């Protein structure tokens, strides 16, 4: 009788275990197209039946099909791809400012300024020519102002974009800390937390596109999340990432728990949209702005020095053609046509001395010759501007290549993760058949045991 009872228990447990396997397999099939779903594998284990040597089977929960190494690689790959993409996007906006197609481009405006000096040398007494010099000088200042203001506006916009990104990062951190708390509570009560872990993993993937992410897991199922080298989430505790400005105007990243002293993590930022924003703003925009300001300052200063050495048609000398700051910084936004010459064509200093007035051309020739003379570093104004434009183009090409490379790496790692964690309908159909056959066999065992037990009872009852 004992052996038959054991057979009944074994069949019963087998039915329960195979049914569990069928349910898990069905869940996998149901979620084959669910974003972020991680395949579940049922854990079936042999369980000893009392002190007997014959054991039975039990369903001991399920396992999420994951690979920690691949998951970490995917976080890094997503962060690098997102950083490159954002950098490329923002650098494209900078490049557009220096698009010289048309007469209003900075290259054309520079050429027009020096060409107007050549025309002045040929016709110093022509009021139309003198007016055209003022127009060309004003066009140079206006175009410089436009580019300088646009570069400044882009810096401000990227600062705001960095702050908005930090807000999204903090929201994700808060959500992850809440999920950590729910996962700990569920597993403490012996409940399955696989769905919660899927949600947390999806948040981590999204977070990795905003900033570089590193995770550390503990044995209880909670995780520590580090961004830019600082701890954003410590189990159930979430901290805040803040974006400010350094003394030089570059971005400053700090992390702190409410009420605590912030920890600066700026230099550890390596990935995500935030890294792309910072690279575009604090590297590209700062460099281009500095070089452009110096170009404008050098052009205006050299023209002023030569113009002040000459004489206007009215016999006055020492007048600047441009108002420009005392230092290069901010010259792009600040340069203006000097009030001393604005609206007064006769103030243009074409003559090099008073003897040649009113038709002197010596200073006009000297102004025109500035076109071929170095203004800084042995480079002419045109060459210096070409260096700026060419440098932007080279950076854009390099970043575009990085986008392609990092995107390919991300796709490769995602494919690796999908091969481990994704649902294959072919594999699930095999598993479904396996558990179905095992369930049918267990049912057959149960039927046989029931028949034998009934026969035994009949025999004993005679």
Foldseek 3Di string as FASTA:
>chain_A
DVVLVVLLVQLVQLLVQLVVLLVLLVVQVVCQPPPLFFRKGWDKDWDCDPPDPDTHIHTPGIDGQFDPVLLLLLLQLLFLLLLLVLLLVLLVVLLVLQPQPDCLHLLNLVVQLLVLLVVCLVPVPDLVSLVSNLVSLQSNLVSLQVSLVVLVVSLVVLLVVLQVLQVLLQVLQLLLLVLLVVLLVQVVVVHDSSVSVSVNSVSSSVNSQSFRWDWDADPSGFIWIDTLNHTQHDRNAGWGWGWDADPVGAIWIWIDHVPDDTDTRVVSTDTHSSNNSRCNNVPVSVVLSLLSLVLLVLLQVVQQVLQQQFAFLVGDHRDGQWDADPDSHPRSNPIHGDPVCVPPSSRGGQANHPVPPPSHHVSSVVSSCLQVAPRPPRDGSSVSSVVSSVVSVVVSVVSVVSSVVSVVSSVVSVVVRCVRTRRDPVVSVVSSVVSVVSSVVSVVSSVVSVVVVVVVVVVVVD
